[in-house]
């Protein structure tokens, strides 16, 4: 019996592999636990479509990330109008969501705040750095607080 593995199973294979197993093991263990599906032509076609869709989404996300980084390196990103004291200290810290809003206003691309990392919340005026990441790719960019 051929099955499609839905999880990594030691000594058998990785998620997505099509393996030939005994009928008893396939039905009573793998399929019953939800670790595998019977490898019918229809299920194989569905599985391939899902995997292709994931690859396509990943390619689009990578493309948009590269485009956003390119635009942000050319654009001088500024957040202004925040309340501050006469020493330049902000009353409310700038966080990832504020930077994502500023990016949307500047280049009209929506960035998930989870893709933005700052070492500590920004609490002063001036130029600060933040990281924009997509998967394993991370770029360091600058933002000015006025």
N, C-alpha and C. Protein backbone atom coordinates (compact mmCIF):
# COMPACT_ATOMS: atom_id res chain seq x y z
N UNK A 1 0.85 -1.16 0.00
CA UNK A 1 0.00 0.00 0.00
C UNK A 1 0.90 1.23 0.00
N UNK A 2 0.57 2.22 -0.82
CA UNK A 2 1.32 3.46 -0.88
C UNK A 2 0.59 4.52 -0.07
N UNK A 3 1.37 5.27 0.73
CA UNK A 3 0.81 6.32 1.56
C UNK A 3 1.62 7.60 1.37
N UNK A 4 0.97 8.75 1.63
CA UNK A 4 1.63 10.05 1.64
C UNK A 4 1.82 10.41 3.11
N UNK A 5 3.05 10.65 3.51
CA UNK A 5 3.32 11.00 4.90
C UNK A 5 2.95 12.45 5.17
N UNK A 6 2.17 12.66 6.23
CA UNK A 6 1.76 14.00 6.61
C UNK A 6 2.68 14.60 7.66
N UNK A 7 3.54 13.77 8.26
CA UNK A 7 4.50 14.19 9.28
C UNK A 7 5.81 13.47 9.02
N UNK A 8 6.88 14.01 9.58
CA UNK A 8 8.16 13.29 9.55
C UNK A 8 8.04 12.11 10.50
N UNK A 9 8.38 10.94 10.00
CA UNK A 9 8.33 9.72 10.82
C UNK A 9 9.70 9.07 10.74
N UNK A 10 10.33 8.93 11.91
CA UNK A 10 11.68 8.37 11.93
C UNK A 10 11.69 6.97 11.33
N UNK A 11 12.74 6.67 10.64
CA UNK A 11 12.98 5.38 9.98
C UNK A 11 12.01 5.09 8.84
N UNK A 12 11.13 6.06 8.50
CA UNK A 12 10.21 5.85 7.38
C UNK A 12 10.38 6.94 6.33
N UNK A 13 10.32 8.19 6.72
CA UNK A 13 10.49 9.26 5.75
C UNK A 13 10.05 10.61 6.29
N UNK A 14 10.14 11.60 5.42
CA UNK A 14 9.80 12.98 5.77
C UNK A 14 8.41 13.32 5.24
N UNK A 15 7.88 14.42 5.75
CA UNK A 15 6.56 14.90 5.34
C UNK A 15 6.53 15.08 3.82
N UNK A 16 5.50 14.56 3.20
CA UNK A 16 5.33 14.68 1.76
C UNK A 16 5.87 13.50 0.96
N UNK A 17 6.66 12.64 1.59
CA UNK A 17 7.18 11.47 0.88
C UNK A 17 6.06 10.47 0.62
N UNK A 18 6.14 9.79 -0.51
CA UNK A 18 5.22 8.70 -0.82
C UNK A 18 5.98 7.41 -0.55
N UNK A 19 5.47 6.62 0.39
CA UNK A 19 6.16 5.40 0.81
C UNK A 19 5.27 4.18 0.61
N UNK A 20 5.91 3.06 0.37
CA UNK A 20 5.22 1.79 0.24
C UNK A 20 5.35 1.06 1.58
N UNK A 21 4.22 0.82 2.25
CA UNK A 21 4.21 0.16 3.56
C UNK A 21 3.24 -1.01 3.51
N UNK A 22 3.31 -1.85 4.54
CA UNK A 22 2.37 -2.97 4.58
C UNK A 22 0.96 -2.44 4.83
N UNK A 23 -0.03 -3.19 4.37
CA UNK A 23 -1.43 -2.76 4.51
C UNK A 23 -1.80 -2.56 5.98
N UNK A 24 -1.41 -3.49 6.83
CA UNK A 24 -1.77 -3.41 8.25
C UNK A 24 -1.15 -2.18 8.90
N UNK A 25 0.13 -1.91 8.65
CA UNK A 25 0.80 -0.75 9.24
C UNK A 25 0.21 0.55 8.69
N UNK A 26 -0.06 0.56 7.40
CA UNK A 26 -0.63 1.75 6.78
C UNK A 26 -2.01 2.10 7.33
N UNK A 27 -2.89 1.11 7.39
CA UNK A 27 -4.27 1.36 7.84
C UNK A 27 -4.35 1.52 9.35
N UNK A 28 -3.77 0.58 10.09
CA UNK A 28 -3.96 0.54 11.54
C UNK A 28 -3.10 1.54 12.31
N UNK A 29 -2.01 1.97 11.74
CA UNK A 29 -1.13 2.88 12.48
C UNK A 29 -1.09 4.26 11.82
N UNK A 30 -0.57 4.32 10.60
CA UNK A 30 -0.33 5.62 9.98
C UNK A 30 -1.61 6.39 9.68
N UNK A 31 -2.55 5.77 8.99
CA UNK A 31 -3.78 6.47 8.61
C UNK A 31 -4.66 6.71 9.83
N UNK A 32 -4.71 5.74 10.74
CA UNK A 32 -5.55 5.88 11.94
C UNK A 32 -5.07 7.03 12.83
N UNK A 33 -3.75 7.21 12.96
CA UNK A 33 -3.20 8.30 13.77
C UNK A 33 -3.25 9.65 13.05
N UNK A 34 -3.49 9.62 11.76
CA UNK A 34 -3.49 10.86 10.99
C UNK A 34 -2.09 11.27 10.53
N UNK A 35 -1.18 10.31 10.51
CA UNK A 35 0.19 10.59 10.08
C UNK A 35 0.38 10.39 8.58
N UNK A 36 -0.63 9.81 7.91
CA UNK A 36 -0.49 9.55 6.48
C UNK A 36 -1.87 9.50 5.82
N UNK A 37 -1.85 9.62 4.49
CA UNK A 37 -3.05 9.47 3.66
C UNK A 37 -2.80 8.36 2.66
N UNK A 38 -3.85 7.70 2.26
CA UNK A 38 -3.74 6.71 1.20
C UNK A 38 -3.35 7.43 -0.08
N UNK A 39 -2.33 6.96 -0.77
CA UNK A 39 -1.80 7.65 -1.95
C UNK A 39 -2.60 7.31 -3.20
N UNK A 40 -3.82 7.82 -3.28
CA UNK A 40 -4.63 7.66 -4.48
C UNK A 40 -4.21 8.75 -5.47
N UNK A 41 -4.53 8.58 -6.75
CA UNK A 41 -4.18 9.63 -7.72
C UNK A 41 -4.77 11.00 -7.35
N UNK A 42 -5.98 11.00 -6.82
CA UNK A 42 -6.61 12.26 -6.42
C UNK A 42 -5.87 12.93 -5.27
N UNK A 43 -5.49 12.15 -4.26
CA UNK A 43 -4.77 12.70 -3.12
C UNK A 43 -3.38 13.18 -3.52
N UNK A 44 -2.73 12.44 -4.42
CA UNK A 44 -1.42 12.88 -4.91
C UNK A 44 -1.53 14.21 -5.65
N UNK A 45 -2.58 14.36 -6.45
CA UNK A 45 -2.78 15.61 -7.18
C UNK A 45 -3.04 16.77 -6.22
N UNK A 46 -3.88 16.54 -5.19
CA UNK A 46 -4.15 17.59 -4.19
C UNK A 46 -2.87 17.97 -3.47
N UNK A 47 -2.09 16.97 -3.08
CA UNK A 47 -0.86 17.22 -2.35
C UNK A 47 0.11 18.05 -3.19
N UNK A 48 0.24 17.70 -4.47
CA UNK A 48 1.14 18.44 -5.35
C UNK A 48 0.66 19.88 -5.55
N UNK A 49 -0.67 20.08 -5.64
CA UNK A 49 -1.21 21.43 -5.79
C UNK A 49 -0.92 22.26 -4.55
N UNK A 50 -1.08 21.68 -3.37
CA UNK A 50 -0.79 22.40 -2.12
C UNK A 50 0.68 22.80 -2.05
N UNK A 51 1.56 21.87 -2.39
CA UNK A 51 2.99 22.15 -2.34
C UNK A 51 3.37 23.23 -3.35
N UNK A 52 2.79 23.18 -4.55
CA UNK A 52 3.07 24.20 -5.56
C UNK A 52 2.56 25.56 -5.11
N UNK A 53 1.41 25.58 -4.45
CA UNK A 53 0.85 26.84 -3.96
C UNK A 53 1.76 27.44 -2.88
N UNK A 54 2.30 26.59 -2.00
CA UNK A 54 3.21 27.07 -0.97
C UNK A 54 4.47 27.67 -1.59
N UNK A 55 5.01 26.99 -2.59
CA UNK A 55 6.20 27.49 -3.28
C UNK A 55 5.91 28.83 -3.96
N UNK A 56 4.74 28.93 -4.57
CA UNK A 56 4.34 30.17 -5.26
C UNK A 56 4.20 31.32 -4.27
N UNK A 57 3.56 31.07 -3.12
CA UNK A 57 3.40 32.10 -2.10
C UNK A 57 4.76 32.55 -1.57
N UNK A 58 5.66 31.60 -1.39
CA UNK A 58 6.99 31.93 -0.89
C UNK A 58 7.74 32.79 -1.91
N UNK A 59 7.61 32.47 -3.18
CA UNK A 59 8.28 33.25 -4.22
C UNK A 59 7.72 34.67 -4.29
N UNK A 60 6.41 34.81 -4.15
CA UNK A 60 5.79 36.14 -4.17
C UNK A 60 6.26 36.95 -2.96
N UNK A 61 6.28 36.33 -1.79
CA UNK A 61 6.72 37.03 -0.58
C UNK A 61 8.16 37.49 -0.70
N UNK A 62 9.02 36.67 -1.26
CA UNK A 62 10.42 37.03 -1.45
C UNK A 62 10.55 38.18 -2.43
N UNK A 63 9.77 38.15 -3.49
CA UNK A 63 9.79 39.21 -4.49
C UNK A 63 9.33 40.53 -3.89
N UNK A 64 8.23 40.50 -3.13
CA UNK A 64 7.73 41.71 -2.49
C UNK A 64 8.71 42.25 -1.46
N UNK A 65 9.38 41.37 -0.74
CA UNK A 65 10.37 41.78 0.24
C UNK A 65 11.51 42.51 -0.45
N UNK A 66 12.02 41.94 -1.55
CA UNK A 66 13.13 42.58 -2.27
C UNK A 66 12.70 43.94 -2.81
N UNK A 67 11.49 44.03 -3.31
CA UNK A 67 10.97 45.30 -3.83
C UNK A 67 10.84 46.33 -2.71
N UNK A 68 10.32 45.91 -1.55
CA UNK A 68 10.16 46.82 -0.42
C UNK A 68 11.51 47.31 0.08
N UNK A 69 12.49 46.44 0.19
CA UNK A 69 13.82 46.83 0.66
C UNK A 69 14.44 47.82 -0.32
N UNK A 70 14.31 47.55 -1.61
CA UNK A 70 14.86 48.44 -2.63
C UNK A 70 14.23 49.83 -2.52
N UNK A 71 12.93 49.89 -2.38
CA UNK A 71 12.23 51.16 -2.28
C UNK A 71 12.59 51.89 -0.98
N UNK A 72 12.72 51.14 0.12
CA UNK A 72 13.03 51.76 1.41
C UNK A 72 14.46 52.27 1.47
N UNK A 73 15.37 51.67 0.72
CA UNK A 73 16.74 52.16 0.70
C UNK A 73 16.82 53.47 -0.07
N UNK A 74 15.93 53.68 -1.05
CA UNK A 74 15.90 54.92 -1.82
C UNK A 74 15.10 56.01 -1.09
N UNK A 75 14.07 55.61 -0.38
CA UNK A 75 13.17 56.53 0.32
C UNK A 75 13.71 56.83 1.71
N UNK A 76 13.66 58.12 2.11
CA UNK A 76 14.07 58.51 3.47
C UNK A 76 12.83 58.39 4.36
N UNK A 77 12.79 57.37 5.18
CA UNK A 77 11.62 57.09 6.02
C UNK A 77 11.63 58.00 7.25
N UNK A 78 10.50 58.71 7.45
CA UNK A 78 10.41 59.67 8.55
C UNK A 78 9.11 59.45 9.31
N UNK A 79 9.20 59.49 10.63
CA UNK A 79 8.01 59.53 11.49
C UNK A 79 8.06 60.88 12.19
N UNK A 80 7.03 61.67 12.01
CA UNK A 80 7.02 62.99 12.64
C UNK A 80 5.69 63.20 13.36
N UNK A 81 5.66 64.25 14.17
CA UNK A 81 4.44 64.60 14.87
C UNK A 81 4.24 63.89 16.19
N UNK A 82 5.24 63.18 16.67
CA UNK A 82 5.13 62.51 17.96
C UNK A 82 5.45 63.52 19.07
N UNK A 83 4.73 63.43 20.15
CA UNK A 83 4.96 64.34 21.27
C UNK A 83 6.28 64.01 21.95
N UNK A 84 7.04 65.09 22.28
CA UNK A 84 8.34 64.91 22.91
C UNK A 84 8.63 66.09 23.83
N UNK A 85 9.61 65.92 24.71
CA UNK A 85 9.99 67.02 25.59
C UNK A 85 11.08 67.85 24.92
N UNK A 86 11.58 68.88 25.61
CA UNK A 86 12.56 69.77 24.98
C UNK A 86 13.94 69.13 24.83
N UNK A 87 14.18 67.98 25.42
CA UNK A 87 15.45 67.26 25.28
C UNK A 87 15.40 66.25 24.13
N UNK A 88 14.25 66.09 23.50
CA UNK A 88 14.13 65.15 22.39
C UNK A 88 13.68 63.76 22.79
N UNK A 89 13.24 63.60 24.02
CA UNK A 89 12.74 62.30 24.47
C UNK A 89 11.25 62.20 24.15
N UNK A 90 10.86 61.10 23.56
CA UNK A 90 9.45 60.89 23.19
C UNK A 90 8.64 60.48 24.42
N UNK A 91 7.39 60.92 24.45
CA UNK A 91 6.51 60.52 25.54
C UNK A 91 6.00 59.09 25.33
N UNK A 92 5.86 58.67 24.09
CA UNK A 92 5.44 57.30 23.76
C UNK A 92 6.47 56.69 22.82
N UNK A 93 6.89 55.48 23.10
CA UNK A 93 7.92 54.82 22.30
C UNK A 93 7.40 54.46 20.91
N UNK A 94 8.30 54.47 19.96
CA UNK A 94 8.01 54.03 18.59
C UNK A 94 8.23 52.52 18.57
N UNK A 95 7.24 51.80 18.11
CA UNK A 95 7.33 50.34 18.07
C UNK A 95 7.21 49.85 16.62
N UNK A 96 7.22 48.53 16.46
CA UNK A 96 7.19 47.91 15.14
C UNK A 96 5.96 48.32 14.33
N UNK A 97 4.81 48.40 14.99
CA UNK A 97 3.58 48.79 14.30
C UNK A 97 3.63 50.20 13.75
N UNK A 98 4.28 51.11 14.49
CA UNK A 98 4.44 52.48 14.02
C UNK A 98 5.33 52.53 12.78
N UNK A 99 6.38 51.73 12.78
CA UNK A 99 7.28 51.68 11.62
C UNK A 99 6.55 51.08 10.42
N UNK A 100 5.74 50.04 10.64
CA UNK A 100 4.97 49.43 9.54
C UNK A 100 4.00 50.45 8.95
N UNK A 101 3.37 51.27 9.79
CA UNK A 101 2.47 52.31 9.29
C UNK A 101 3.23 53.35 8.47
N UNK A 102 4.42 53.73 8.93
CA UNK A 102 5.23 54.70 8.20
C UNK A 102 5.68 54.15 6.86
N UNK A 103 6.01 52.87 6.82
CA UNK A 103 6.40 52.24 5.55
C UNK A 103 5.23 52.26 4.58
N UNK A 104 4.03 51.95 5.06
CA UNK A 104 2.85 51.95 4.19
C UNK A 104 2.59 53.35 3.63
N UNK A 105 2.73 54.37 4.46
CA UNK A 105 2.53 55.74 4.00
C UNK A 105 3.58 56.16 2.98
N UNK A 106 4.82 55.69 3.16
CA UNK A 106 5.91 56.11 2.29
C UNK A 106 5.92 55.40 0.94
N UNK A 107 5.73 54.09 0.93
CA UNK A 107 5.89 53.33 -0.33
C UNK A 107 4.64 52.57 -0.74
N UNK A 108 3.58 52.66 0.04
CA UNK A 108 2.29 52.02 -0.26
C UNK A 108 2.39 50.50 -0.37
N UNK A 109 3.29 49.90 0.42
CA UNK A 109 3.36 48.45 0.54
C UNK A 109 3.10 48.08 1.98
N UNK A 110 2.24 47.12 2.20
CA UNK A 110 1.90 46.70 3.55
C UNK A 110 2.93 45.69 4.05
N UNK A 111 3.54 46.02 5.18
CA UNK A 111 4.53 45.15 5.81
C UNK A 111 3.96 44.69 7.14
N UNK A 112 4.04 43.40 7.41
CA UNK A 112 3.59 42.86 8.68
C UNK A 112 4.54 43.32 9.78
N UNK A 113 4.01 43.89 10.88
CA UNK A 113 4.90 44.32 11.97
C UNK A 113 5.78 43.20 12.51
N UNK A 114 5.39 41.95 12.32
CA UNK A 114 6.22 40.83 12.78
C UNK A 114 7.50 40.70 11.96
N UNK A 115 7.53 41.32 10.77
CA UNK A 115 8.73 41.28 9.93
C UNK A 115 9.74 42.34 10.35
N UNK A 116 9.33 43.25 11.22
CA UNK A 116 10.19 44.35 11.64
C UNK A 116 10.70 44.05 13.05
N UNK A 117 12.01 44.23 13.24
CA UNK A 117 12.58 44.07 14.58
C UNK A 117 13.42 45.30 14.91
N UNK A 118 13.24 45.77 16.12
CA UNK A 118 14.08 46.83 16.66
C UNK A 118 14.62 46.31 17.98
N UNK A 119 15.88 46.66 18.25
CA UNK A 119 16.51 46.09 19.45
C UNK A 119 15.79 46.53 20.72
N UNK A 120 15.45 47.80 20.81
CA UNK A 120 14.67 48.33 21.94
C UNK A 120 13.69 49.34 21.39
N UNK A 121 12.57 49.56 22.06
CA UNK A 121 11.64 50.58 21.58
C UNK A 121 12.34 51.93 21.46
N UNK A 122 12.03 52.65 20.39
CA UNK A 122 12.68 53.93 20.12
C UNK A 122 12.01 55.00 20.99
N UNK A 123 12.81 55.67 21.82
CA UNK A 123 12.26 56.65 22.76
C UNK A 123 12.88 58.03 22.61
N UNK A 124 13.64 58.27 21.53
CA UNK A 124 14.26 59.57 21.35
C UNK A 124 14.21 59.98 19.88
N UNK A 125 14.36 61.29 19.67
CA UNK A 125 14.38 61.83 18.32
C UNK A 125 15.71 61.45 17.67
N UNK A 126 15.76 61.51 16.34
CA UNK A 126 17.00 61.24 15.62
C UNK A 126 16.85 60.08 14.66
N UNK A 127 17.98 59.60 14.18
CA UNK A 127 18.01 58.51 13.21
C UNK A 127 18.29 57.20 13.96
N UNK A 128 17.45 56.21 13.69
CA UNK A 128 17.56 54.91 14.34
C UNK A 128 17.54 53.82 13.27
N UNK A 129 18.01 52.64 13.64
CA UNK A 129 18.00 51.52 12.69
C UNK A 129 16.99 50.48 13.13
N UNK A 130 16.49 49.74 12.15
CA UNK A 130 15.58 48.63 12.39
C UNK A 130 15.88 47.56 11.36
N UNK A 131 15.46 46.35 11.61
CA UNK A 131 15.69 45.24 10.69
C UNK A 131 14.37 44.81 10.08
N UNK A 132 14.39 44.57 8.79
CA UNK A 132 13.24 44.06 8.05
C UNK A 132 13.63 42.67 7.57
N UNK A 133 12.80 41.67 7.87
CA UNK A 133 13.20 40.30 7.53
C UNK A 133 12.06 39.55 6.84
N UNK A 134 12.47 38.62 5.99
CA UNK A 134 11.57 37.70 5.29
C UNK A 134 12.27 36.36 5.28
N UNK A 135 11.76 35.42 6.07
CA UNK A 135 12.43 34.13 6.19
C UNK A 135 13.79 34.30 6.82
N UNK A 136 14.84 33.88 6.13
CA UNK A 136 16.19 33.99 6.66
C UNK A 136 16.90 35.26 6.18
N UNK A 137 16.28 35.99 5.27
CA UNK A 137 16.86 37.20 4.72
C UNK A 137 16.50 38.40 5.59
N UNK A 138 17.52 39.12 6.07
CA UNK A 138 17.30 40.28 6.95
C UNK A 138 18.11 41.45 6.43
N UNK A 139 17.48 42.62 6.37
CA UNK A 139 18.14 43.85 5.93
C UNK A 139 18.02 44.90 7.02
N UNK A 140 19.07 45.63 7.25
CA UNK A 140 19.08 46.71 8.23
C UNK A 140 18.79 48.01 7.51
N UNK A 141 17.81 48.76 8.01
CA UNK A 141 17.39 50.02 7.39
C UNK A 141 17.36 51.12 8.44
N UNK A 142 17.22 52.36 7.99
CA UNK A 142 17.23 53.52 8.89
C UNK A 142 15.86 54.21 8.85
N UNK A 143 15.53 54.84 9.99
CA UNK A 143 14.32 55.64 10.10
C UNK A 143 14.66 56.87 10.92
N UNK A 144 14.06 58.00 10.52
CA UNK A 144 14.29 59.24 11.25
C UNK A 144 13.04 59.62 12.02
N UNK A 145 13.23 59.98 13.27
CA UNK A 145 12.12 60.42 14.12
C UNK A 145 12.27 61.93 14.30
N UNK A 146 11.26 62.68 13.84
CA UNK A 146 11.29 64.15 13.97
C UNK A 146 10.26 64.61 14.94
